[in-house]
C-alpha atoms as a PDB file:
ATOM      1  CA  UNK A   1      49.842  22.547 168.797  1.00  0.00           C
ATOM      2  CA  UNK A   2      50.122  18.758 168.905  1.00  0.00           C
ATOM      3  CA  UNK A   3      47.643  17.077 171.260  1.00  0.00           C
ATOM      4  CA  UNK A   4      49.487  14.718 173.605  1.00  0.00           C
ATOM      5  CA  UNK A   5      47.444  14.499 176.819  1.00  0.00           C
ATOM      6  CA  UNK A   6      43.652  14.577 176.965  1.00  0.00           C
ATOM      7  CA  UNK A   7      41.237  14.062 179.867  1.00  0.00           C
ATOM      8  CA  UNK A   8      37.521  13.981 178.969  1.00  0.00           C
ATOM      9  CA  UNK A   9      36.361  11.906 181.943  1.00  0.00           C
ATOM     10  CA  UNK A  10      32.805  12.379 183.225  1.00  0.00           C
ATOM     11  CA  UNK A  11      31.804  14.456 180.216  1.00  0.00           C
ATOM     12  CA  UNK A  12      29.319  13.815 177.378  1.00  0.00           C
ATOM     13  CA  UNK A  13      32.033  12.682 174.963  1.00  0.00           C
ATOM     14  CA  UNK A  14      30.839  10.017 172.527  1.00  0.00           C
ATOM     15  CA  UNK A  15      32.314   7.625 169.963  1.00  0.00           C
ATOM     16  CA  UNK A  16      32.175  10.408 167.394  1.00  0.00           C
ATOM     17  CA  UNK A  17      34.378  12.556 169.625  1.00  0.00           C
ATOM     18  CA  UNK A  18      36.957   9.792 169.900  1.00  0.00           C
ATOM     19  CA  UNK A  19      36.915   9.374 166.116  1.00  0.00           C
ATOM     20  CA  UNK A  20      37.699  13.070 165.800  1.00  0.00           C
ATOM     21  CA  UNK A  21      40.472  12.836 168.404  1.00  0.00           C
ATOM     22  CA  UNK A  22      41.989   9.872 166.577  1.00  0.00           C
ATOM     23  CA  UNK A  23      41.937  11.866 163.348  1.00  0.00           C
ATOM     24  CA  UNK A  24      43.541  15.082 164.562  1.00  0.00           C
ATOM     25  CA  UNK A  25      46.007  13.462 167.008  1.00  0.00           C
ATOM     26  CA  UNK A  26      46.820  10.292 165.177  1.00  0.00           C
ATOM     27  CA  UNK A  27      50.570  10.569 165.685  1.00  0.00           C
ATOM     28  CA  UNK A  28      50.791  12.758 168.769  1.00  0.00           C
ATOM     29  CA  UNK A  29      48.330  11.444 171.379  1.00  0.00           C
ATOM     30  CA  UNK A  30      50.134   9.755 174.241  1.00  0.00           C
ATOM     31  CA  UNK A  31      47.637   9.803 177.105  1.00  0.00           C
ATOM     32  CA  UNK A  32      43.823   9.652 177.101  1.00  0.00           C
ATOM     33  CA  UNK A  33      41.436   9.503 180.075  1.00  0.00           C
ATOM     34  CA  UNK A  34      37.782   8.906 179.182  1.00  0.00           C
ATOM     35  CA  UNK A  35      36.220   7.513 182.348  1.00  0.00           C
ATOM     36  CA  UNK A  36      32.497   7.440 183.006  1.00  0.00           C
ATOM     37  CA  UNK A  37      31.342   9.461 179.994  1.00  0.00           C
ATOM     38  CA  UNK A  38      27.567   9.621 179.524  1.00  0.00           C
ATOM     39  CA  UNK A  39      25.151  11.205 177.069  1.00  0.00           C
ATOM     40  CA  UNK A  40      21.395  11.469 177.683  1.00  0.00           C
ATOM     41  CA  UNK A  41      21.720   9.183 180.671  1.00  0.00           C
ATOM     42  CA  UNK A  42      23.585   6.394 178.894  1.00  0.00           C
ATOM     43  CA  UNK A  43      27.236   5.422 178.683  1.00  0.00           C
ATOM     44  CA  UNK A  44      28.425   7.185 175.569  1.00  0.00           C
ATOM     45  CA  UNK A  45      31.563   5.229 174.577  1.00  0.00           C
ATOM     46  CA  UNK A  46      31.422   1.837 172.916  1.00  0.00           C
ATOM     47  CA  UNK A  47      33.792  -0.491 171.126  1.00  0.00           C
ATOM     48  CA  UNK A  48      33.478   1.639 168.018  1.00  0.00           C
ATOM     49  CA  UNK A  49      35.117   4.619 169.699  1.00  0.00           C
ATOM     50  CA  UNK A  50      37.862   2.524 171.280  1.00  0.00           C
ATOM     51  CA  UNK A  51      38.640   0.852 167.962  1.00  0.00           C
ATOM     52  CA  UNK A  52      39.100   4.288 166.422  1.00  0.00           C
ATOM     53  CA  UNK A  53      41.873   4.986 168.937  1.00  0.00           C
ATOM     54  CA  UNK A  54      43.873   2.170 167.346  1.00  0.00           C
ATOM     55  CA  UNK A  55      44.959   4.775 164.808  1.00  0.00           C
ATOM     56  CA  UNK A  56      46.897   6.597 167.551  1.00  0.00           C
ATOM     57  CA  UNK A  57      50.194   4.755 167.229  1.00  0.00           C
ATOM     58  CA  UNK A  58      51.880   6.761 170.028  1.00  0.00           C
ATOM     59  CA  UNK A  59      49.197   6.065 172.630  1.00  0.00           C
ATOM     60  CA  UNK A  60      50.808   4.870 175.877  1.00  0.00           C
ATOM     61  CA  UNK A  61      48.125   5.495 178.529  1.00  0.00           C
ATOM     62  CA  UNK A  62      44.413   4.713 178.195  1.00  0.00           C
ATOM     63  CA  UNK A  63      41.999   5.013 181.104  1.00  0.00           C
ATOM     64  CA  UNK A  64      38.388   3.930 180.650  1.00  0.00           C
ATOM     65  CA  UNK A  65      35.689   3.074 183.191  1.00  0.00           C
ATOM     66  CA  UNK A  66      32.303   1.374 183.258  1.00  0.00           C
ATOM     67  CA  UNK A  67      31.501   0.758 179.608  1.00  0.00           C
ATOM     68  CA  UNK A  68      29.337  -2.290 178.918  1.00  0.00           C
ATOM     69  CA  UNK A  69      29.705  -2.126 175.132  1.00  0.00           C
ATOM     70  CA  UNK A  70      33.478  -2.413 174.842  1.00  0.00           C
ATOM     71  CA  UNK A  71      34.213  -5.945 173.708  1.00  0.00           C
ATOM     72  CA  UNK A  72      37.283  -8.048 172.959  1.00  0.00           C
ATOM     73  CA  UNK A  73      37.694  -6.917 169.362  1.00  0.00           C
ATOM     74  CA  UNK A  74      38.237  -3.349 170.604  1.00  0.00           C
ATOM     75  CA  UNK A  75      41.283  -4.360 172.664  1.00  0.00           C
ATOM     76  CA  UNK A  76      42.519  -6.591 169.855  1.00  0.00           C
ATOM     77  CA  UNK A  77      42.515  -3.549 167.539  1.00  0.00           C
ATOM     78  CA  UNK A  78      44.299  -1.459 170.166  1.00  0.00           C
ATOM     79  CA  UNK A  79      46.975  -4.108 170.596  1.00  0.00           C
ATOM     80  CA  UNK A  80      47.758  -3.909 166.844  1.00  0.00           C
ATOM     81  CA  UNK A  81      47.582  -0.159 166.469  1.00  0.00           C
ATOM     82  CA  UNK A  82      49.038   1.004 169.810  1.00  0.00           C
ATOM     83  CA  UNK A  83      52.192  -1.062 170.392  1.00  0.00           C
ATOM     84  CA  UNK A  84      53.603   1.364 172.994  1.00  0.00           C
ATOM     85  CA  UNK A  85      50.837   0.879 175.594  1.00  0.00           C
ATOM     86  CA  UNK A  86      52.236   1.247 179.144  1.00  0.00           C
ATOM     87  CA  UNK A  87      49.116   1.803 181.211  1.00  0.00           C
ATOM     88  CA  UNK A  88      45.722   0.259 180.457  1.00  0.00           C
ATOM     89  CA  UNK A  89      42.868   0.822 182.891  1.00  0.00           C
ATOM     90  CA  UNK A  90      39.588  -0.842 181.889  1.00  0.00           C
ATOM     91  CA  UNK A  91      37.673  -1.467 185.128  1.00  0.00           C
ATOM     92  CA  UNK A  92      33.973  -2.351 184.936  1.00  0.00           C
ATOM     93  CA  UNK A  93      34.092  -3.005 181.183  1.00  0.00           C
ATOM     94  CA  UNK A  94      31.830  -5.981 181.728  1.00  0.00           C
ATOM     95  CA  UNK A  95      31.845  -7.543 178.274  1.00  0.00           C
ATOM     96  CA  UNK A  96      35.600  -8.193 178.180  1.00  0.00           C
ATOM     97  CA  UNK A  97      36.974 -11.700 178.604  1.00  0.00           C
ATOM     98  CA  UNK A  98      40.344 -13.434 178.504  1.00  0.00           C
ATOM     99  CA  UNK A  99      40.677 -13.042 174.740  1.00  0.00           C
ATOM    100  CA  UNK A 100      40.573  -9.266 174.888  1.00  0.00           C
ATOM    101  CA  UNK A 101      42.611  -8.909 178.070  1.00  0.00           C
ATOM    102  CA  UNK A 102      45.361 -11.106 176.618  1.00  0.00           C
ATOM    103  CA  UNK A 103      45.311  -9.528 173.152  1.00  0.00           C
ATOM    104  CA  UNK A 104      48.479  -7.527 173.721  1.00  0.00           C
ATOM    105  CA  UNK A 105      50.824 -10.120 172.292  1.00  0.00           C
ATOM    106  CA  UNK A 106      54.562  -9.516 171.986  1.00  0.00           C
ATOM    107  CA  UNK A 107      54.268  -5.701 171.783  1.00  0.00           C
ATOM    108  CA  UNK A 108      52.469  -5.165 175.078  1.00  0.00           C
ATOM    109  CA  UNK A 109      54.457  -7.956 176.683  1.00  0.00           C
ATOM    110  CA  UNK A 110      57.431  -5.621 176.497  1.00  0.00           C
ATOM    111  CA  UNK A 111      55.743  -2.311 177.256  1.00  0.00           C
ATOM    112  CA  UNK A 112      52.759  -2.842 179.592  1.00  0.00           C
ATOM    113  CA  UNK A 113      53.488  -1.760 183.148  1.00  0.00           C
ATOM    114  CA  UNK A 114      50.085  -1.037 184.714  1.00  0.00           C
ATOM    115  CA  UNK A 115      46.814  -2.913 184.212  1.00  0.00           C
ATOM    116  CA  UNK A 116      43.440  -2.398 185.935  1.00  0.00           C
ATOM    117  CA  UNK A 117      40.948  -5.280 185.469  1.00  0.00           C
ATOM    118  CA  UNK A 118      38.743  -4.478 188.442  1.00  0.00           C
ATOM    119  CA  UNK A 119      35.070  -5.452 188.339  1.00  0.00           C
ATOM    120  CA  UNK A 120      35.334  -7.426 185.107  1.00  0.00           C
ATOM    121  CA  UNK A 121      33.206 -10.515 185.752  1.00  0.00           C
ATOM    122  CA  UNK A 122      35.155 -12.854 183.468  1.00  0.00           C
ATOM    123  CA  UNK A 123      38.495 -12.295 185.230  1.00  0.00           C
ATOM    124  CA  UNK A 124      39.362 -15.649 186.782  1.00  0.00           C
ATOM    125  CA  UNK A 125      42.339 -17.442 188.311  1.00  0.00           C
ATOM    126  CA  UNK A 126      43.289 -18.854 184.917  1.00  0.00           C
ATOM    127  CA  UNK A 127      43.089 -15.365 183.388  1.00  0.00           C
ATOM    128  CA  UNK A 128      45.429 -13.967 186.047  1.00  0.00           C
ATOM    129  CA  UNK A 129      47.915 -16.743 185.387  1.00  0.00           C
ATOM    130  CA  UNK A 130      47.976 -15.920 181.693  1.00  0.00           C
ATOM    131  CA  UNK A 131      48.214 -12.187 182.423  1.00  0.00           C
ATOM    132  CA  UNK A 132      51.267 -12.806 184.618  1.00  0.00           C
ATOM    133  CA  UNK A 133      52.883 -15.064 182.042  1.00  0.00           C
ATOM    134  CA  UNK A 134      52.257 -12.750 179.105  1.00  0.00           C
ATOM    135  CA  UNK A 135      52.806  -9.274 180.584  1.00  0.00           C
ATOM    136  CA  UNK A 136      56.019 -10.114 182.394  1.00  0.00           C
ATOM    137  CA  UNK A 137      57.027  -6.507 183.078  1.00  0.00           C
ATOM    138  CA  UNK A 138      53.829  -5.555 184.929  1.00  0.00           C
ATOM    139  CA  UNK A 139      54.545  -3.476 188.047  1.00  0.00           C
ATOM    140  CA  UNK A 140      50.984  -2.426 188.977  1.00  0.00           C
ATOM    141  CA  UNK A 141      47.932  -4.692 188.840  1.00  0.00           C
ATOM    142  CA  UNK A 142      44.393  -4.061 190.073  1.00  0.00           C
ATOM    143  CA  UNK A 143      41.788  -6.858 190.147  1.00  0.00           C
ATOM    144  CA  UNK A 144      39.392  -5.483 192.780  1.00  0.00           C
ATOM    145  CA  UNK A 145      35.843  -6.766 192.845  1.00  0.00           C
ATOM    146  CA  UNK A 146      36.537  -9.868 190.768  1.00  0.00           C
ATOM    147  CA  UNK A 147      34.292 -12.557 192.239  1.00  0.00           C
ATOM    148  CA  UNK A 148      36.015 -15.466 190.456  1.00  0.00           C
ATOM    149  CA  UNK A 149      39.487 -14.665 191.795  1.00  0.00           C
ATOM    150  CA  UNK A 150      40.435 -16.920 194.699  1.00  0.00           C
ATOM    151  CA  UNK A 151      43.513 -18.098 196.605  1.00  0.00           C
ATOM    152  CA  UNK A 152      44.790 -19.905 193.487  1.00  0.00           C
ATOM    153  CA  UNK A 153      44.790 -16.637 191.559  1.00  0.00           C
ATOM    154  CA  UNK A 154      46.878 -14.919 194.210  1.00  0.00           C
ATOM    155  CA  UNK A 155      49.376 -17.783 194.123  1.00  0.00           C
ATOM    156  CA  UNK A 156      49.577 -17.573 190.321  1.00  0.00           C
ATOM    157  CA  UNK A 157      50.483 -13.896 190.584  1.00  0.00           C
ATOM    158  CA  UNK A 158      53.038 -14.531 193.314  1.00  0.00           C
ATOM    159  CA  UNK A 159      54.651 -17.257 191.225  1.00  0.00           C
ATOM    160  CA  UNK A 160      54.704 -15.668 187.777  1.00  0.00           C
ATOM    161  CA  UNK A 161      54.319 -11.837 188.144  1.00  0.00           C
ATOM    162  CA  UNK A 162      57.839 -11.296 189.347  1.00  0.00           C
ATOM    163  CA  UNK A 163      58.018  -7.546 188.736  1.00  0.00           C
ATOM    164  CA  UNK A 164      54.865  -6.555 190.627  1.00  0.00           C
ATOM    165  CA  UNK A 165      55.307  -3.659 193.021  1.00  0.00           C
ATOM    166  CA  UNK A 166      51.681  -2.701 193.633  1.00  0.00           C
ATOM    167  CA  UNK A 167      48.795  -5.199 193.859  1.00  0.00           C
ATOM    168  CA  UNK A 168      45.111  -4.437 194.586  1.00  0.00           C
ATOM    169  CA  UNK A 169      42.884  -7.427 195.460  1.00  0.00           C
ATOM    170  CA  UNK A 170      40.135  -5.650 197.415  1.00  0.00           C
ATOM    171  CA  UNK A 171      36.586  -7.025 197.396  1.00  0.00           C
ATOM    172  CA  UNK A 172      37.582 -10.458 196.109  1.00  0.00           C
ATOM    173  CA  UNK A 173      35.470 -12.600 198.477  1.00  0.00           C
ATOM    174  CA  UNK A 174      37.166 -15.899 197.669  1.00  0.00           C
ATOM    175  CA  UNK A 175      40.619 -14.775 198.890  1.00  0.00           C
ATOM    176  CA  UNK A 176      41.324 -16.178 202.347  1.00  0.00           C
ATOM    177  CA  UNK A 177      44.123 -16.667 204.852  1.00  0.00           C
ATOM    178  CA  UNK A 178      45.172 -19.865 203.069  1.00  0.00           C
ATOM    179  CA  UNK A 179      45.995 -18.007 199.858  1.00  0.00           C
ATOM    180  CA  UNK A 180      47.809 -15.217 201.646  1.00  0.00           C
ATOM    181  CA  UNK A 181      49.938 -17.643 203.675  1.00  0.00           C
ATOM    182  CA  UNK A 182      50.916 -19.547 200.534  1.00  0.00           C
ATOM    183  CA  UNK A 183      51.602 -16.546 198.345  1.00  0.00           C
ATOM    184  CA  UNK A 184      53.177 -13.867 200.543  1.00  0.00           C
ATOM    185  CA  UNK A 185      56.655 -15.410 200.833  1.00  0.00           C
ATOM    186  CA  UNK A 186      56.940 -14.931 197.040  1.00  0.00           C
ATOM    187  CA  UNK A 187      55.816 -11.283 197.229  1.00  0.00           C
ATOM    188  CA  UNK A 188      58.852  -9.862 199.075  1.00  0.00           C
ATOM    189  CA  UNK A 189      59.196  -7.187 196.350  1.00  0.00           C
ATOM    190  CA  UNK A 190      55.688  -5.668 196.835  1.00  0.00           C
ATOM    191  CA  UNK A 191      55.604  -2.045 197.996  1.00  0.00           C
ATOM    192  CA  UNK A 192      51.794  -1.594 198.067  1.00  0.00           C
ATOM    193  CA  UNK A 193      49.054  -4.140 198.813  1.00  0.00           C
ATOM    194  CA  UNK A 194      45.295  -3.545 198.984  1.00  0.00           C
ATOM    195  CA  UNK A 195      43.162  -6.308 200.458  1.00  0.00           C
ATOM    196  CA  UNK A 196      40.110  -4.435 201.749  1.00  0.00           C
ATOM    197  CA  UNK A 197      36.893  -6.452 202.124  1.00  0.00           C
ATOM    198  CA  UNK A 198      38.668  -9.817 201.862  1.00  0.00           C
ATOM    199  CA  UNK A 199      38.147 -12.860 204.099  1.00  0.00           C
ATOM    200  CA  UNK A 200      41.475 -12.513 205.884  1.00  0.00           C
ATOM    201  CA  UNK A 201      42.464 -12.262 209.534  1.00  0.00           C
ATOM    202  CA  UNK A 202      45.377 -11.529 211.849  1.00  0.00           C
ATOM    203  CA  UNK A 203      47.145 -14.616 210.554  1.00  0.00           C
ATOM    204  CA  UNK A 204      47.355 -13.080 207.085  1.00  0.00           C
ATOM    205  CA  UNK A 205      48.595  -9.750 208.411  1.00  0.00           C
ATOM    206  CA  UNK A 206      51.341 -11.509 210.387  1.00  0.00           C
ATOM    207  CA  UNK A 207      52.510 -13.303 207.220  1.00  0.00           C
ATOM    208  CA  UNK A 208      52.289 -10.172 205.100  1.00  0.00           C
ATOM    209  CA  UNK A 209      54.326  -8.099 207.542  1.00  0.00           C
ATOM    210  CA  UNK A 210      56.806 -10.909 208.101  1.00  0.00           C
ATOM    211  CA  UNK A 211      57.511 -11.696 204.454  1.00  0.00           C
ATOM    212  CA  UNK A 212      56.770  -8.587 202.380  1.00  0.00           C
ATOM    213  CA  UNK A 213      59.861  -6.737 203.565  1.00  0.00           C
ATOM    214  CA  UNK A 214      59.569  -3.939 201.009  1.00  0.00           C
ATOM    215  CA  UNK A 215      55.928  -3.100 201.807  1.00  0.00           C
ATOM    216  CA  UNK A 216      55.208   0.624 202.250  1.00  0.00           C
ATOM    217  CA  UNK A 217      51.386   0.673 202.100  1.00  0.00           C
ATOM    218  CA  UNK A 218      48.816  -1.863 203.329  1.00  0.00           C
ATOM    219  CA  UNK A 219      45.030  -1.481 203.091  1.00  0.00           C
ATOM    220  CA  UNK A 220      42.932  -4.048 204.985  1.00  0.00           C
ATOM    221  CA  UNK A 221      39.774  -1.958 205.381  1.00  0.00           C
ATOM    222  CA  UNK A 222      36.642  -3.837 206.451  1.00  0.00           C
ATOM    223  CA  UNK A 223      38.520  -7.065 207.106  1.00  0.00           C
ATOM    224  CA  UNK A 224      36.660  -8.089 210.234  1.00  0.00           C
ATOM    225  CA  UNK A 225      39.247 -10.669 211.235  1.00  0.00           C
ATOM    226  CA  UNK A 226      41.923  -7.982 211.593  1.00  0.00           C
ATOM    227  CA  UNK A 227      42.229  -7.004 215.290  1.00  0.00           C
ATOM    228  CA  UNK A 228      44.727  -5.513 217.717  1.00  0.00           C
ATOM    229  CA  UNK A 229      46.852  -8.642 217.236  1.00  0.00           C
ATOM    230  CA  UNK A 230      47.728  -7.408 213.737  1.00  0.00           C
ATOM    231  CA  UNK A 231      49.054  -4.159 215.234  1.00  0.00           C
ATOM    232  CA  UNK A 232      51.288  -6.129 217.575  1.00  0.00           C
ATOM    233  CA  UNK A 233      52.704  -7.951 214.545  1.00  0.00           C
ATOM    234  CA  UNK A 234      54.399  -4.718 213.437  1.00  0.00           C
ATOM    235  CA  UNK A 235      58.045  -4.892 214.329  1.00  0.00           C
ATOM    236  CA  UNK A 236      60.920  -2.449 214.427  1.00  0.00           C
ATOM    237  CA  UNK A 237      62.676  -2.367 211.070  1.00  0.00           C
ATOM    238  CA  UNK A 238      59.465  -2.780 209.046  1.00  0.00           C
ATOM    239  CA  UNK A 239      59.263  -0.264 206.201  1.00  0.00           C
ATOM    240  CA  UNK A 240      55.469   0.108 206.309  1.00  0.00           C
ATOM    241  CA  UNK A 241      54.577   3.805 206.186  1.00  0.00           C
ATOM    242  CA  UNK A 242      50.808   3.835 205.469  1.00  0.00           C
ATOM    243  CA  UNK A 243      48.251   1.553 207.135  1.00  0.00           C
ATOM    244  CA  UNK A 244      44.528   1.635 206.320  1.00  0.00           C
ATOM    245  CA  UNK A 245      42.350   0.023 209.013  1.00  0.00           C
ATOM    246  CA  UNK A 246      38.932   1.543 208.190  1.00  0.00           C
ATOM    247  CA  UNK A 247      36.185  -0.788 209.379  1.00  0.00           C
ATOM    248  CA  UNK A 248      38.491  -3.161 211.285  1.00  0.00           C
ATOM    249  CA  UNK A 249      37.618  -4.028 214.934  1.00  0.00           C
ATOM    250  CA  UNK A 250      40.622  -2.192 216.363  1.00  0.00           C
ATOM    251  CA  UNK A 251      40.293  -0.987 219.994  1.00  0.00           C
ATOM    252  CA  UNK A 252      41.244   2.318 221.519  1.00  0.00           C
ATOM    253  CA  UNK A 253      43.957   0.613 223.544  1.00  0.00           C
ATOM    254  CA  UNK A 254      45.361  -1.133 220.477  1.00  0.00           C
ATOM    255  CA  UNK A 255      45.558   2.151 218.573  1.00  0.00           C
ATOM    256  CA  UNK A 256      47.194   3.960 221.476  1.00  0.00           C
ATOM    257  CA  UNK A 257      49.921   1.305 221.754  1.00  0.00           C
ATOM    258  CA  UNK A 258      50.533   1.544 218.029  1.00  0.00           C
ATOM    259  CA  UNK A 259      50.866   5.317 218.171  1.00  0.00           C
ATOM    260  CA  UNK A 260      53.330   5.025 221.041  1.00  0.00           C
ATOM    261  CA  UNK A 261      55.651   2.689 219.125  1.00  0.00           C
ATOM    262  CA  UNK A 262      58.297   5.074 217.862  1.00  0.00           C
ATOM    263  CA  UNK A 263      60.428   2.256 216.442  1.00  0.00           C
ATOM    264  CA  UNK A 264      58.031   1.932 213.479  1.00  0.00           C
ATOM    265  CA  UNK A 265      58.326   3.758 210.161  1.00  0.00           C
ATOM    266  CA  UNK A 266      54.563   4.442 210.091  1.00  0.00           C
ATOM    267  CA  UNK A 267      53.691   8.016 209.119  1.00  0.00           C
ATOM    268  CA  UNK A 268      49.963   7.660 208.196  1.00  0.00           C
ATOM    269  CA  UNK A 269      47.116   5.608 209.642  1.00  0.00           C
ATOM    270  CA  UNK A 270      43.482   5.627 208.508  1.00  0.00           C
ATOM    271  CA  UNK A 271      41.064   4.366 211.167  1.00  0.00           C
ATOM    272  CA  UNK A 272      37.261   4.112 211.508  1.00  0.00           C
ATOM    273  CA  UNK A 273      36.036   7.279 213.156  1.00  0.00           C
ATOM    274  CA  UNK A 274      32.911   5.767 214.701  1.00  0.00           C
ATOM    275  CA  UNK A 275      34.200   2.517 216.199  1.00  0.00           C
ATOM    276  CA  UNK A 276      37.074   3.814 218.280  1.00  0.00           C
ATOM    277  CA  UNK A 277      37.726   6.670 220.673  1.00  0.00           C
ATOM    278  CA  UNK A 278      40.467   8.283 218.662  1.00  0.00           C
ATOM    279  CA  UNK A 279      40.608  11.337 220.873  1.00  0.00           C
ATOM    280  CA  UNK A 280      41.283   9.159 223.921  1.00  0.00           C
ATOM    281  CA  UNK A 281      43.953   7.213 222.099  1.00  0.00           C
ATOM    282  CA  UNK A 282      45.554  10.457 221.002  1.00  0.00           C
ATOM    283  CA  UNK A 283      45.381  11.960 224.491  1.00  0.00           C
ATOM    284  CA  UNK A 284      47.146   8.885 225.879  1.00  0.00           C
ATOM    285  CA  UNK A 285      50.150   9.614 223.712  1.00  0.00           C
ATOM    286  CA  UNK A 286      50.082  13.378 224.191  1.00  0.00           C
ATOM    287  CA  UNK A 287      51.197  12.900 227.759  1.00  0.00           C
ATOM    288  CA  UNK A 288      54.127  10.707 226.807  1.00  0.00           C
ATOM    289  CA  UNK A 289      55.087  11.759 223.295  1.00  0.00           C
ATOM    290  CA  UNK A 290      54.242  15.464 223.337  1.00  0.00           C
ATOM    291  CA  UNK A 291      51.843  15.244 220.407  1.00  0.00           C
ATOM    292  CA  UNK A 292      53.873  13.338 217.836  1.00  0.00           C
ATOM    293  CA  UNK A 293      50.692  12.566 215.858  1.00  0.00           C
ATOM    294  CA  UNK A 294      48.049  14.880 214.394  1.00  0.00           C
ATOM    295  CA  UNK A 295      44.379  14.095 213.647  1.00  0.00           C
ATOM    296  CA  UNK A 296      42.568  15.131 210.485  1.00  0.00           C
ATOM    297  CA  UNK A 297      39.359  14.116 208.736  1.00  0.00           C
ATOM    298  CA  UNK A 298      40.109  12.013 205.658  1.00  0.00           C
ATOM    299  CA  UNK A 299      37.734  13.207 202.948  1.00  0.00           C
ATOM    300  CA  UNK A 300      38.711  10.528 200.400  1.00  0.00           C
ATOM    301  CA  UNK A 301      37.907   7.740 202.845  1.00  0.00           C
ATOM    302  CA  UNK A 302      34.352   8.412 203.987  1.00  0.00           C
ATOM    303  CA  UNK A 303      33.823   7.952 207.696  1.00  0.00           C
ATOM    304  CA  UNK A 304      37.500   7.599 208.522  1.00  0.00           C
ATOM    305  CA  UNK A 305      40.085   9.674 210.344  1.00  0.00           C
ATOM    306  CA  UNK A 306      43.648  10.250 209.219  1.00  0.00           C
ATOM    307  CA  UNK A 307      46.446  10.160 211.784  1.00  0.00           C
ATOM    308  CA  UNK A 308      49.726  11.613 210.610  1.00  0.00           C
ATOM    309  CA  UNK A 309      53.085  11.536 212.429  1.00  0.00           C
ATOM    310  CA  UNK A 310      54.767  14.876 212.761  1.00  0.00           C
ATOM    311  CA  UNK A 311      58.231  14.996 211.248  1.00  0.00           C
END
């Protein structure tokens, strides 16, 4: 049996284990997930283990998470040994900098489609510009929790990352309405956008909904400037299907009016369970729409309620 797909996330796997994997699956391994592995209370994967994976020439998907001892030379080795990389997820690998992130060269420039750089402290606006210029076929990019990313970084992505379909910018505190207004007209091809915990308001939502005509999913959780006015910005013909409003100051009346608008394509809404009378909003549409929406607790979004439109 040839080992092609391996998930050892949240186990006690160590560098030695990865060395063994690289030995026995040198030519066959295509996908490896090794997120959050610990041994005796410490993160158990370092740059040594990642460098060993460079022997796996068929590796296309690598998902790591929260390893402080993975440094630039590890990614440089991967870029040489794994030229088919399509999906690289390295969030919270704190020691990485531009040199490692941009190590992919010509090989990854052709193959890389998905990149997760969330919570890497050295990710900056300049880094994002170089990522967009080098990995020109990227369709999915996550840079959540990157404190150095600001409005300029968003504009760089809008200008140079022309193939992006999904973009996650949540918890980047320097992103404001100004950046959104400047960048969104260039993001008409986006289908998913996450901007939770950003310093944006109704003005941004209006521009997003007005210019990102292909958008299917929008997450603006905990954006305190997003109010009922954003809900009124939704227009007939918009393709938006999923809207996440957890932690936004939406009112019961605003939600009820949104649920009553049958001209929208919305099928799923996540809303804060404690800040709004969802039952009252739902009852207001039951009389008029005969229960076109159902309510369920959303386990994967703590403290929120999921509203789903019946088909």
